[in-house]
Amino acid sequence: MAEFLDAVPHVQSVSVADAGHMVAGDSNHAFTRAVIEFLKSERANE
């Protein structure tokens, strides 16, 4: 992931506790919160 973050400077990374390979399936509420916060921040930057 560090290489990807270096290669794509505008990317954002979020750690989701208690999630394994499939974040949306393993920790759906945390995944949804992260997506909503991302969308809110993108909309604020318009």
PDB file of N, CA and C in Angstrom:
ATOM      1  N   MET A   1       0.820  -1.174   0.000  1.00  0.00           N
ATOM      2  CA  MET A   1       0.000   0.000   0.000  1.00  0.00           C
ATOM      3  C   MET A   1       0.871   1.248   0.000  1.00  0.00           C
ATOM      4  N   ALA A   2       1.994   1.205   0.672  1.00  0.00           N
ATOM      5  CA  ALA A   2       2.885   2.365   0.719  1.00  0.00           C
ATOM      6  C   ALA A   2       3.328   2.766  -0.685  1.00  0.00           C
ATOM      7  N   GLU A   3       3.616   1.793  -1.529  1.00  0.00           N
ATOM      8  CA  GLU A   3       4.023   2.093  -2.905  1.00  0.00           C
ATOM      9  C   GLU A   3       2.892   2.773  -3.667  1.00  0.00           C
ATOM     10  N   PHE A   4       1.678   2.299  -3.474  1.00  0.00           N
ATOM     11  CA  PHE A   4       0.527   2.898  -4.154  1.00  0.00           C
ATOM     12  C   PHE A   4       0.313   4.331  -3.680  1.00  0.00           C
ATOM     13  N   LEU A   5       0.423   4.557  -2.381  1.00  0.00           N
ATOM     14  CA  LEU A   5       0.263   5.911  -1.843  1.00  0.00           C
ATOM     15  C   LEU A   5       1.333   6.850  -2.399  1.00  0.00           C
ATOM     16  N   ASP A   6       2.544   6.349  -2.580  1.00  0.00           N
ATOM     17  CA  ASP A   6       3.605   7.159  -3.165  1.00  0.00           C
ATOM     18  C   ASP A   6       3.360   7.439  -4.645  1.00  0.00           C
ATOM     19  N   ALA A   7       2.826   6.453  -5.352  1.00  0.00           N
ATOM     20  CA  ALA A   7       2.611   6.577  -6.792  1.00  0.00           C
ATOM     21  C   ALA A   7       1.423   7.471  -7.142  1.00  0.00           C
ATOM     22  N   VAL A   8       0.441   7.537  -6.258  1.00  0.00           N
ATOM     23  CA  VAL A   8      -0.776   8.308  -6.533  1.00  0.00           C
ATOM     24  C   VAL A   8      -0.964   9.317  -5.399  1.00  0.00           C
ATOM     25  N   PRO A   9      -0.399  10.507  -5.541  1.00  0.00           N
ATOM     26  CA  PRO A   9      -0.366  11.464  -4.438  1.00  0.00           C
ATOM     27  C   PRO A   9      -1.738  11.949  -3.949  1.00  0.00           C
ATOM     28  N   HIS A  10      -2.751  11.913  -4.787  1.00  0.00           N
ATOM     29  CA  HIS A  10      -4.071  12.407  -4.378  1.00  0.00           C
ATOM     30  C   HIS A  10      -4.949  11.327  -3.728  1.00  0.00           C
ATOM     31  N   VAL A  11      -4.434  10.121  -3.600  1.00  0.00           N
ATOM     32  CA  VAL A  11      -5.203   9.025  -3.018  1.00  0.00           C
ATOM     33  C   VAL A  11      -5.344   9.207  -1.502  1.00  0.00           C
ATOM     34  N   GLN A  12      -6.421   8.655  -0.958  1.00  0.00           N
ATOM     35  CA  GLN A  12      -6.625   8.674   0.490  1.00  0.00           C
ATOM     36  C   GLN A  12      -6.686   7.240   0.995  1.00  0.00           C
ATOM     37  N   SER A  13      -6.174   7.023   2.188  1.00  0.00           N
ATOM     38  CA  SER A  13      -6.170   5.702   2.798  1.00  0.00           C
ATOM     39  C   SER A  13      -6.878   5.777   4.148  1.00  0.00           C
ATOM     40  N   VAL A  14      -7.690   4.770   4.428  1.00  0.00           N
ATOM     41  CA  VAL A  14      -8.403   4.696   5.699  1.00  0.00           C
ATOM     42  C   VAL A  14      -8.198   3.305   6.280  1.00  0.00           C
ATOM     43  N   SER A  15      -7.810   3.238   7.542  1.00  0.00           N
ATOM     44  CA  SER A  15      -7.692   1.950   8.230  1.00  0.00           C
ATOM     45  C   SER A  15      -9.024   1.632   8.899  1.00  0.00           C
ATOM     46  N   VAL A  16      -9.499   0.418   8.688  1.00  0.00           N
ATOM     47  CA  VAL A  16     -10.765  -0.019   9.276  1.00  0.00           C
ATOM     48  C   VAL A  16     -10.460  -1.163  10.231  1.00  0.00           C
ATOM     49  N   ALA A  17     -10.645  -0.910  11.512  1.00  0.00           N
ATOM     50  CA  ALA A  17     -10.362  -1.914  12.540  1.00  0.00           C
ATOM     51  C   ALA A  17     -11.272  -3.130  12.377  1.00  0.00           C
ATOM     52  N   ASP A  18     -10.754  -4.282  12.698  1.00  0.00           N
ATOM     53  CA  ASP A  18     -11.500  -5.549  12.687  1.00  0.00           C
ATOM     54  C   ASP A  18     -12.010  -5.939  11.309  1.00  0.00           C
ATOM     55  N   ALA A  19     -11.348  -5.469  10.269  1.00  0.00           N
ATOM     56  CA  ALA A  19     -11.730  -5.862   8.914  1.00  0.00           C
ATOM     57  C   ALA A  19     -10.579  -6.646   8.297  1.00  0.00           C
ATOM     58  N   GLY A  20     -10.927  -7.644   7.557  1.00  0.00           N
ATOM     59  CA  GLY A  20      -9.913  -8.455   6.893  1.00  0.00           C
ATOM     60  C   GLY A  20      -9.811  -8.098   5.431  1.00  0.00           C
ATOM     61  N   HIS A  21      -9.855  -9.090   4.578  1.00  0.00           N
ATOM     62  CA  HIS A  21      -9.668  -8.897   3.140  1.00  0.00           C
ATOM     63  C   HIS A  21     -10.812  -8.094   2.516  1.00  0.00           C
ATOM     64  N   MET A  22     -12.037  -8.355   2.948  1.00  0.00           N
ATOM     65  CA  MET A  22     -13.205  -7.692   2.352  1.00  0.00           C
ATOM     66  C   MET A  22     -13.803  -6.726   3.369  1.00  0.00           C
ATOM     67  N   VAL A  23     -13.350  -5.494   3.335  1.00  0.00           N
ATOM     68  CA  VAL A  23     -13.728  -4.510   4.348  1.00  0.00           C
ATOM     69  C   VAL A  23     -15.242  -4.322   4.418  1.00  0.00           C
ATOM     70  N   ALA A  24     -15.884  -4.163   3.276  1.00  0.00           N
ATOM     71  CA  ALA A  24     -17.333  -3.913   3.278  1.00  0.00           C
ATOM     72  C   ALA A  24     -18.108  -5.071   3.902  1.00  0.00           C
ATOM     73  N   GLY A  25     -17.615  -6.282   3.742  1.00  0.00           N
ATOM     74  CA  GLY A  25     -18.293  -7.438   4.317  1.00  0.00           C
ATOM     75  C   GLY A  25     -17.927  -7.694   5.763  1.00  0.00           C
ATOM     76  N   ASP A  26     -16.682  -7.398   6.116  1.00  0.00           N
ATOM     77  CA  ASP A  26     -16.198  -7.680   7.470  1.00  0.00           C
ATOM     78  C   ASP A  26     -16.608  -6.616   8.479  1.00  0.00           C
ATOM     79  N   SER A  27     -16.690  -5.383   8.038  1.00  0.00           N
ATOM     80  CA  SER A  27     -17.005  -4.276   8.946  1.00  0.00           C
ATOM     81  C   SER A  27     -17.811  -3.235   8.181  1.00  0.00           C
ATOM     82  N   ASN A  28     -19.030  -3.606   7.841  1.00  0.00           N
ATOM     83  CA  ASN A  28     -19.861  -2.788   6.954  1.00  0.00           C
ATOM     84  C   ASN A  28     -20.091  -1.384   7.485  1.00  0.00           C
ATOM     85  N   HIS A  29     -20.368  -1.230   8.771  1.00  0.00           N
ATOM     86  CA  HIS A  29     -20.646   0.101   9.328  1.00  0.00           C
ATOM     87  C   HIS A  29     -19.414   1.001   9.239  1.00  0.00           C
ATOM     88  N   ALA A  30     -18.252   0.467   9.553  1.00  0.00           N
ATOM     89  CA  ALA A  30     -17.018   1.255   9.473  1.00  0.00           C
ATOM     90  C   ALA A  30     -16.720   1.626   8.022  1.00  0.00           C
ATOM     91  N   PHE A  31     -16.942   0.702   7.101  1.00  0.00           N
ATOM     92  CA  PHE A  31     -16.735   0.975   5.684  1.00  0.00           C
ATOM     93  C   PHE A  31     -17.671   2.085   5.209  1.00  0.00           C
ATOM     94  N   THR A  32     -18.934   1.987   5.572  1.00  0.00           N
ATOM     95  CA  THR A  32     -19.917   2.987   5.158  1.00  0.00           C
ATOM     96  C   THR A  32     -19.572   4.358   5.718  1.00  0.00           C
ATOM     97  N   ARG A  33     -19.166   4.413   6.984  1.00  0.00           N
ATOM     98  CA  ARG A  33     -18.760   5.701   7.579  1.00  0.00           C
ATOM     99  C   ARG A  33     -17.593   6.309   6.812  1.00  0.00           C
ATOM    100  N   ALA A  34     -16.610   5.489   6.470  1.00  0.00           N
ATOM    101  CA  ALA A  34     -15.437   5.987   5.742  1.00  0.00           C
ATOM    102  C   ALA A  34     -15.834   6.524   4.370  1.00  0.00           C
ATOM    103  N   VAL A  35     -16.715   5.823   3.684  1.00  0.00           N
ATOM    104  CA  VAL A  35     -17.160   6.272   2.363  1.00  0.00           C
ATOM    105  C   VAL A  35     -17.945   7.581   2.475  1.00  0.00           C
ATOM    106  N   ILE A  36     -18.836   7.674   3.439  1.00  0.00           N
ATOM    107  CA  ILE A  36     -19.624   8.896   3.620  1.00  0.00           C
ATOM    108  C   ILE A  36     -18.720  10.076   3.954  1.00  0.00           C
ATOM    109  N   GLU A  37     -17.752   9.880   4.830  1.00  0.00           N
ATOM    110  CA  GLU A  37     -16.829  10.967   5.171  1.00  0.00           C
ATOM    111  C   GLU A  37     -16.016  11.394   3.951  1.00  0.00           C
ATOM    112  N   PHE A  38     -15.595  10.438   3.138  1.00  0.00           N
ATOM    113  CA  PHE A  38     -14.868  10.762   1.920  1.00  0.00           C
ATOM    114  C   PHE A  38     -15.737  11.593   0.986  1.00  0.00           C
ATOM    115  N   LEU A  39     -16.967  11.160   0.773  1.00  0.00           N
ATOM    116  CA  LEU A  39     -17.862  11.889  -0.131  1.00  0.00           C
ATOM    117  C   LEU A  39     -18.162  13.291   0.382  1.00  0.00           C
ATOM    118  N   LYS A  40     -18.344  13.432   1.690  1.00  0.00           N
ATOM    119  CA  LYS A  40     -18.569  14.759   2.257  1.00  0.00           C
ATOM    120  C   LYS A  40     -17.366  15.668   2.012  1.00  0.00           C
ATOM    121  N   SER A  41     -16.170  15.133   2.204  1.00  0.00           N
ATOM    122  CA  SER A  41     -14.966  15.959   2.027  1.00  0.00           C
ATOM    123  C   SER A  41     -14.790  16.342   0.559  1.00  0.00           C
ATOM    124  N   GLU A  42     -15.105  15.440  -0.352  1.00  0.00           N
ATOM    125  CA  GLU A  42     -15.002  15.749  -1.771  1.00  0.00           C
ATOM    126  C   GLU A  42     -16.019  16.812  -2.175  1.00  0.00           C
ATOM    127  N   ARG A  43     -17.208  16.709  -1.634  1.00  0.00           N
ATOM    128  CA  ARG A  43     -18.242  17.705  -1.958  1.00  0.00           C
ATOM    129  C   ARG A  43     -17.869  19.073  -1.407  1.00  0.00           C
ATOM    130  N   ALA A  44     -17.246  19.112  -0.239  1.00  0.00           N
ATOM    131  CA  ALA A  44     -16.831  20.378   0.361  1.00  0.00           C
ATOM    132  C   ALA A  44     -15.738  21.039  -0.465  1.00  0.00           C
ATOM    133  N   ASN A  45     -14.980  20.242  -1.222  1.00  0.00           N
ATOM    134  CA  ASN A  45     -13.897  20.783  -2.044  1.00  0.00           C
ATOM    135  C   ASN A  45     -14.346  21.252  -3.419  1.00  0.00           C
ATOM    136  N   GLU A  46     -15.638  21.143  -3.727  1.00  0.00           N
ATOM    137  CA  GLU A  46     -16.135  21.575  -5.042  1.00  0.00           C
ATOM    138  C   GLU A  46     -16.123  23.065  -5.176  1.00  0.00           C
TER     139      GLU A  46
END
